[in-house]
């Protein structure tokens, strides 16, 4: 529980939670998890992963995360209908801080 508190404090210091909901945090975790497994995460796949929430709510939070420069949405040249989500350098730097924090607490 102590590590979770430390992570939440870090997210607050980095202003990740400012104006973002719990769904935003779930989106971030999902994107980072897919990237860690070297799997592209499409917008459609994210909707399926977070099926308990409405597409509109998820998209609203994605737009907010993109505006905060935590996520980016890319369209592959071979299929313009597909949207791929990926983390930005800002989110990757926050992830490294969380990893470091977890290692220090072990």
N, C-alpha and C. Protein backbone atom coordinates (compact mmCIF):
# COMPACT_ATOMS: atom_id res chain seq x y z
N UNK A 1 0.83 -1.20 0.00
CA UNK A 1 0.00 0.00 0.00
C UNK A 1 0.87 1.26 0.00
N UNK A 2 2.03 1.15 0.64
CA UNK A 2 2.95 2.28 0.70
C UNK A 2 3.44 2.67 -0.69
N UNK A 3 3.74 1.68 -1.51
CA UNK A 3 4.23 1.95 -2.86
C UNK A 3 3.14 2.60 -3.71
N UNK A 4 1.90 2.15 -3.54
CA UNK A 4 0.79 2.76 -4.28
C UNK A 4 0.63 4.22 -3.90
N UNK A 5 0.75 4.52 -2.63
CA UNK A 5 0.66 5.92 -2.17
C UNK A 5 1.77 6.76 -2.79
N UNK A 6 2.98 6.19 -2.84
CA UNK A 6 4.11 6.92 -3.41
C UNK A 6 3.88 7.19 -4.90
N UNK A 7 3.35 6.19 -5.61
CA UNK A 7 3.07 6.36 -7.04
C UNK A 7 2.01 7.43 -7.25
N UNK A 8 0.97 7.41 -6.45
CA UNK A 8 -0.09 8.42 -6.58
C UNK A 8 0.43 9.82 -6.31
N UNK A 9 1.34 9.94 -5.32
CA UNK A 9 1.95 11.25 -5.03
C UNK A 9 2.78 11.71 -6.23
N UNK A 10 3.53 10.79 -6.82
CA UNK A 10 4.34 11.12 -8.00
C UNK A 10 3.44 11.59 -9.15
N UNK A 11 2.35 10.86 -9.39
CA UNK A 11 1.43 11.25 -10.46
C UNK A 11 0.84 12.63 -10.20
N UNK A 12 0.58 12.92 -8.92
CA UNK A 12 0.04 14.23 -8.56
C UNK A 12 1.10 15.31 -8.79
N UNK A 13 2.35 15.04 -8.42
CA UNK A 13 3.43 16.01 -8.63
C UNK A 13 3.65 16.28 -10.11
N UNK A 14 3.50 15.26 -10.93
CA UNK A 14 3.68 15.40 -12.38
C UNK A 14 2.43 15.95 -13.05
N UNK A 15 1.40 16.23 -12.25
CA UNK A 15 0.14 16.79 -12.72
C UNK A 15 -0.57 15.87 -13.72
N UNK A 16 -0.39 14.55 -13.54
CA UNK A 16 -1.05 13.58 -14.41
C UNK A 16 -2.53 13.50 -14.06
N UNK A 17 -2.85 13.60 -12.78
CA UNK A 17 -4.23 13.44 -12.36
C UNK A 17 -5.04 14.72 -12.46
N UNK A 18 -4.37 15.83 -12.69
CA UNK A 18 -5.06 17.11 -12.74
C UNK A 18 -6.10 17.13 -13.86
N UNK A 19 -7.36 17.12 -13.53
CA UNK A 19 -8.42 17.14 -14.52
C UNK A 19 -8.70 15.79 -15.16
N UNK A 20 -7.94 14.77 -14.79
CA UNK A 20 -8.12 13.44 -15.36
C UNK A 20 -8.86 12.55 -14.36
N UNK A 21 -9.56 11.57 -14.89
CA UNK A 21 -10.34 10.67 -14.06
C UNK A 21 -9.59 9.36 -13.86
N UNK A 22 -10.20 8.46 -13.13
CA UNK A 22 -9.64 7.13 -12.94
C UNK A 22 -9.52 6.41 -14.28
N UNK A 23 -10.43 6.69 -15.19
CA UNK A 23 -10.36 6.08 -16.52
C UNK A 23 -9.07 6.49 -17.21
N UNK A 24 -8.64 7.73 -17.03
CA UNK A 24 -7.38 8.18 -17.62
C UNK A 24 -6.21 7.35 -17.11
N UNK A 25 -6.20 7.07 -15.83
CA UNK A 25 -5.13 6.26 -15.25
C UNK A 25 -5.18 4.84 -15.82
N UNK A 26 -6.38 4.29 -15.99
CA UNK A 26 -6.52 2.96 -16.60
C UNK A 26 -6.04 2.96 -18.05
N UNK A 27 -6.31 4.04 -18.77
CA UNK A 27 -5.84 4.15 -20.16
C UNK A 27 -4.32 4.17 -20.18
N UNK A 28 -3.73 4.96 -19.31
CA UNK A 28 -2.26 5.04 -19.24
C UNK A 28 -1.66 3.68 -18.93
N UNK A 29 -2.22 2.99 -17.94
CA UNK A 29 -1.71 1.67 -17.57
C UNK A 29 -1.83 0.70 -18.74
N UNK A 30 -2.95 0.75 -19.45
CA UNK A 30 -3.17 -0.15 -20.58
C UNK A 30 -2.17 0.13 -21.70
N UNK A 31 -1.96 1.41 -22.03
CA UNK A 31 -1.02 1.77 -23.08
C UNK A 31 0.39 1.30 -22.72
N UNK A 32 0.81 1.57 -21.49
CA UNK A 32 2.16 1.17 -21.06
C UNK A 32 2.31 -0.34 -21.05
N UNK A 33 1.26 -1.05 -20.64
CA UNK A 33 1.29 -2.50 -20.62
C UNK A 33 1.45 -3.08 -22.03
N UNK A 34 0.71 -2.55 -22.98
CA UNK A 34 0.82 -3.02 -24.37
C UNK A 34 2.21 -2.71 -24.93
N UNK A 35 2.72 -1.52 -24.62
CA UNK A 35 4.06 -1.17 -25.11
C UNK A 35 5.13 -2.07 -24.50
N UNK A 36 4.96 -2.40 -23.24
CA UNK A 36 5.92 -3.29 -22.57
C UNK A 36 5.95 -4.66 -23.24
N UNK A 37 4.81 -5.08 -23.77
CA UNK A 37 4.70 -6.37 -24.46
C UNK A 37 4.95 -6.24 -25.97
N UNK A 38 5.37 -5.05 -26.41
CA UNK A 38 5.63 -4.78 -27.84
C UNK A 38 4.44 -5.08 -28.74
N UNK A 39 3.25 -4.68 -28.28
CA UNK A 39 2.02 -4.88 -29.05
C UNK A 39 1.40 -3.51 -29.30
N UNK A 40 1.04 -3.25 -30.56
CA UNK A 40 0.38 -1.99 -30.88
C UNK A 40 -1.02 -1.98 -30.27
N UNK A 41 -1.39 -0.85 -29.72
CA UNK A 41 -2.72 -0.71 -29.14
C UNK A 41 -3.54 0.23 -30.00
N UNK A 42 -4.52 -0.33 -30.68
CA UNK A 42 -5.41 0.50 -31.50
C UNK A 42 -6.51 1.06 -30.60
N UNK A 43 -7.13 2.10 -31.10
CA UNK A 43 -8.24 2.71 -30.37
C UNK A 43 -9.36 1.69 -30.17
N UNK A 44 -9.64 0.92 -31.20
CA UNK A 44 -10.68 -0.10 -31.12
C UNK A 44 -10.35 -1.14 -30.04
N UNK A 45 -9.10 -1.56 -29.99
CA UNK A 45 -8.68 -2.55 -29.00
C UNK A 45 -8.79 -1.99 -27.59
N UNK A 46 -8.47 -0.70 -27.42
CA UNK A 46 -8.60 -0.07 -26.11
C UNK A 46 -10.06 -0.05 -25.67
N UNK A 47 -10.97 0.26 -26.61
CA UNK A 47 -12.39 0.23 -26.28
C UNK A 47 -12.81 -1.16 -25.79
N UNK A 48 -12.26 -2.20 -26.41
CA UNK A 48 -12.58 -3.57 -25.99
C UNK A 48 -11.96 -3.89 -24.64
N UNK A 49 -10.74 -3.43 -24.40
CA UNK A 49 -10.05 -3.67 -23.13
C UNK A 49 -10.80 -3.01 -21.97
N UNK A 50 -11.33 -1.82 -22.21
CA UNK A 50 -12.03 -1.07 -21.16
C UNK A 50 -13.53 -1.05 -21.46
N UNK A 51 -14.05 -2.20 -21.83
CA UNK A 51 -15.44 -2.33 -22.27
C UNK A 51 -16.49 -1.91 -21.26
N UNK A 52 -16.12 -1.84 -19.99
CA UNK A 52 -17.11 -1.45 -18.99
C UNK A 52 -17.41 0.04 -19.01
N UNK A 53 -16.60 0.81 -19.76
CA UNK A 53 -16.82 2.25 -19.90
C UNK A 53 -17.30 2.57 -21.32
N UNK A 54 -18.00 3.66 -21.47
CA UNK A 54 -18.50 4.02 -22.80
C UNK A 54 -17.37 4.54 -23.68
N UNK A 55 -17.53 4.34 -24.99
CA UNK A 55 -16.53 4.81 -25.95
C UNK A 55 -16.36 6.32 -25.86
N UNK A 56 -17.44 7.03 -25.64
CA UNK A 56 -17.41 8.50 -25.57
C UNK A 56 -16.57 8.94 -24.37
N UNK A 57 -16.76 8.29 -23.24
CA UNK A 57 -16.01 8.63 -22.03
C UNK A 57 -14.53 8.34 -22.23
N UNK A 58 -14.23 7.20 -22.81
CA UNK A 58 -12.83 6.83 -23.06
C UNK A 58 -12.19 7.84 -24.01
N UNK A 59 -12.89 8.18 -25.09
CA UNK A 59 -12.33 9.11 -26.08
C UNK A 59 -12.10 10.48 -25.47
N UNK A 60 -13.01 10.92 -24.60
CA UNK A 60 -12.86 12.22 -23.93
C UNK A 60 -11.58 12.22 -23.10
N UNK A 61 -11.35 11.14 -22.38
CA UNK A 61 -10.15 11.06 -21.56
C UNK A 61 -8.88 10.94 -22.41
N UNK A 62 -8.96 10.21 -23.53
CA UNK A 62 -7.81 10.12 -24.43
C UNK A 62 -7.46 11.50 -24.97
N UNK A 63 -8.46 12.27 -25.36
CA UNK A 63 -8.21 13.62 -25.86
C UNK A 63 -7.53 14.49 -24.81
N UNK A 64 -7.98 14.35 -23.56
CA UNK A 64 -7.38 15.12 -22.47
C UNK A 64 -5.91 14.69 -22.26
N UNK A 65 -5.65 13.38 -22.32
CA UNK A 65 -4.29 12.87 -22.15
C UNK A 65 -3.38 13.31 -23.30
N UNK A 66 -3.93 13.38 -24.50
CA UNK A 66 -3.16 13.87 -25.65
C UNK A 66 -2.85 15.36 -25.49
N UNK A 67 -3.82 16.10 -25.02
CA UNK A 67 -3.63 17.53 -24.79
C UNK A 67 -2.55 17.77 -23.73
N UNK A 68 -2.50 16.89 -22.72
CA UNK A 68 -1.49 16.98 -21.66
C UNK A 68 -0.15 16.40 -22.08
N UNK A 69 -0.05 15.97 -23.34
CA UNK A 69 1.18 15.40 -23.91
C UNK A 69 1.65 14.14 -23.18
N UNK A 70 0.68 13.31 -22.79
CA UNK A 70 1.00 12.01 -22.18
C UNK A 70 0.83 10.88 -23.19
N UNK A 71 -0.10 11.04 -24.12
CA UNK A 71 -0.35 10.05 -25.16
C UNK A 71 -0.35 10.72 -26.53
N UNK A 72 -0.11 9.89 -27.54
CA UNK A 72 -0.26 10.39 -28.91
C UNK A 72 -1.10 9.38 -29.69
N UNK A 73 -1.83 9.90 -30.66
CA UNK A 73 -2.63 9.05 -31.54
C UNK A 73 -2.03 9.17 -32.93
N UNK A 74 -1.68 8.04 -33.50
CA UNK A 74 -1.07 8.02 -34.83
C UNK A 74 -1.95 7.22 -35.78
N UNK A 75 -1.93 7.61 -37.04
CA UNK A 75 -2.67 6.89 -38.08
C UNK A 75 -1.66 6.26 -39.03
N UNK A 76 -1.64 4.93 -39.12
CA UNK A 76 -0.70 4.28 -40.05
C UNK A 76 -1.04 4.64 -41.50
N UNK A 77 -0.01 4.76 -42.31
CA UNK A 77 -0.22 5.14 -43.71
C UNK A 77 -0.96 4.06 -44.49
N UNK A 78 -0.79 2.80 -44.09
CA UNK A 78 -1.41 1.71 -44.85
C UNK A 78 -2.89 1.52 -44.55
N UNK A 79 -3.38 2.05 -43.40
CA UNK A 79 -4.81 1.93 -43.07
C UNK A 79 -5.24 3.18 -42.32
N UNK A 80 -5.81 4.12 -43.04
CA UNK A 80 -6.18 5.40 -42.45
C UNK A 80 -7.36 5.31 -41.49
N UNK A 81 -8.02 4.16 -41.45
CA UNK A 81 -9.14 3.99 -40.53
C UNK A 81 -8.67 3.64 -39.13
N UNK A 82 -7.46 3.15 -39.01
CA UNK A 82 -6.93 2.69 -37.72
C UNK A 82 -6.23 3.83 -37.00
N UNK A 83 -6.41 3.89 -35.69
CA UNK A 83 -5.73 4.86 -34.83
C UNK A 83 -4.92 4.06 -33.80
N UNK A 84 -3.62 4.35 -33.71
CA UNK A 84 -2.74 3.66 -32.78
C UNK A 84 -2.37 4.60 -31.65
N UNK A 85 -2.51 4.12 -30.42
CA UNK A 85 -2.16 4.90 -29.23
C UNK A 85 -0.74 4.56 -28.81
N UNK A 86 0.01 5.57 -28.41
CA UNK A 86 1.35 5.32 -27.88
C UNK A 86 1.68 6.39 -26.83
N UNK A 87 2.62 6.05 -25.99
CA UNK A 87 3.03 6.98 -24.95
C UNK A 87 4.01 8.00 -25.53
N UNK A 88 4.05 9.16 -24.91
CA UNK A 88 4.98 10.21 -25.33
C UNK A 88 6.23 10.12 -24.47
N UNK A 89 7.20 10.92 -24.79
CA UNK A 89 8.44 10.94 -23.98
C UNK A 89 8.14 11.39 -22.55
N UNK A 90 7.17 12.27 -22.38
CA UNK A 90 6.81 12.71 -21.03
C UNK A 90 6.28 11.54 -20.20
N UNK A 91 5.39 10.74 -20.78
CA UNK A 91 4.85 9.59 -20.04
C UNK A 91 5.94 8.56 -19.78
N UNK A 92 6.83 8.34 -20.75
CA UNK A 92 7.92 7.39 -20.55
C UNK A 92 8.83 7.83 -19.42
N UNK A 93 9.06 9.13 -19.30
CA UNK A 93 9.89 9.63 -18.20
C UNK A 93 9.20 9.43 -16.85
N UNK A 94 7.89 9.60 -16.81
CA UNK A 94 7.13 9.35 -15.58
C UNK A 94 7.19 7.86 -15.24
N UNK A 95 7.08 7.01 -16.26
CA UNK A 95 7.17 5.56 -16.03
C UNK A 95 8.53 5.18 -15.44
N UNK A 96 9.59 5.79 -15.93
CA UNK A 96 10.93 5.52 -15.38
C UNK A 96 11.02 5.94 -13.92
N UNK A 97 10.42 7.07 -13.58
CA UNK A 97 10.42 7.53 -12.19
C UNK A 97 9.65 6.55 -11.30
N UNK A 98 8.54 6.02 -11.81
CA UNK A 98 7.76 5.04 -11.05
C UNK A 98 8.57 3.76 -10.85
N UNK A 99 9.25 3.30 -11.92
CA UNK A 99 10.09 2.10 -11.81
C UNK A 99 11.19 2.30 -10.77
N UNK A 100 11.82 3.47 -10.81
CA UNK A 100 12.88 3.78 -9.85
C UNK A 100 12.33 3.80 -8.44
N UNK A 101 11.16 4.38 -8.28
CA UNK A 101 10.51 4.47 -6.98
C UNK A 101 10.21 3.07 -6.43
N UNK A 102 9.73 2.19 -7.31
CA UNK A 102 9.42 0.83 -6.90
C UNK A 102 10.68 0.07 -6.49
N UNK A 103 11.76 0.27 -7.22
CA UNK A 103 13.02 -0.40 -6.88
C UNK A 103 13.57 0.08 -5.54
N UNK A 104 13.43 1.37 -5.27
CA UNK A 104 13.91 1.94 -4.00
C UNK A 104 13.12 1.41 -2.82
N UNK A 105 11.85 1.13 -3.01
CA UNK A 105 10.98 0.69 -1.92
C UNK A 105 11.08 -0.81 -1.63
N UNK A 106 11.79 -1.55 -2.49
CA UNK A 106 11.86 -3.00 -2.27
C UNK A 106 12.94 -3.35 -1.29
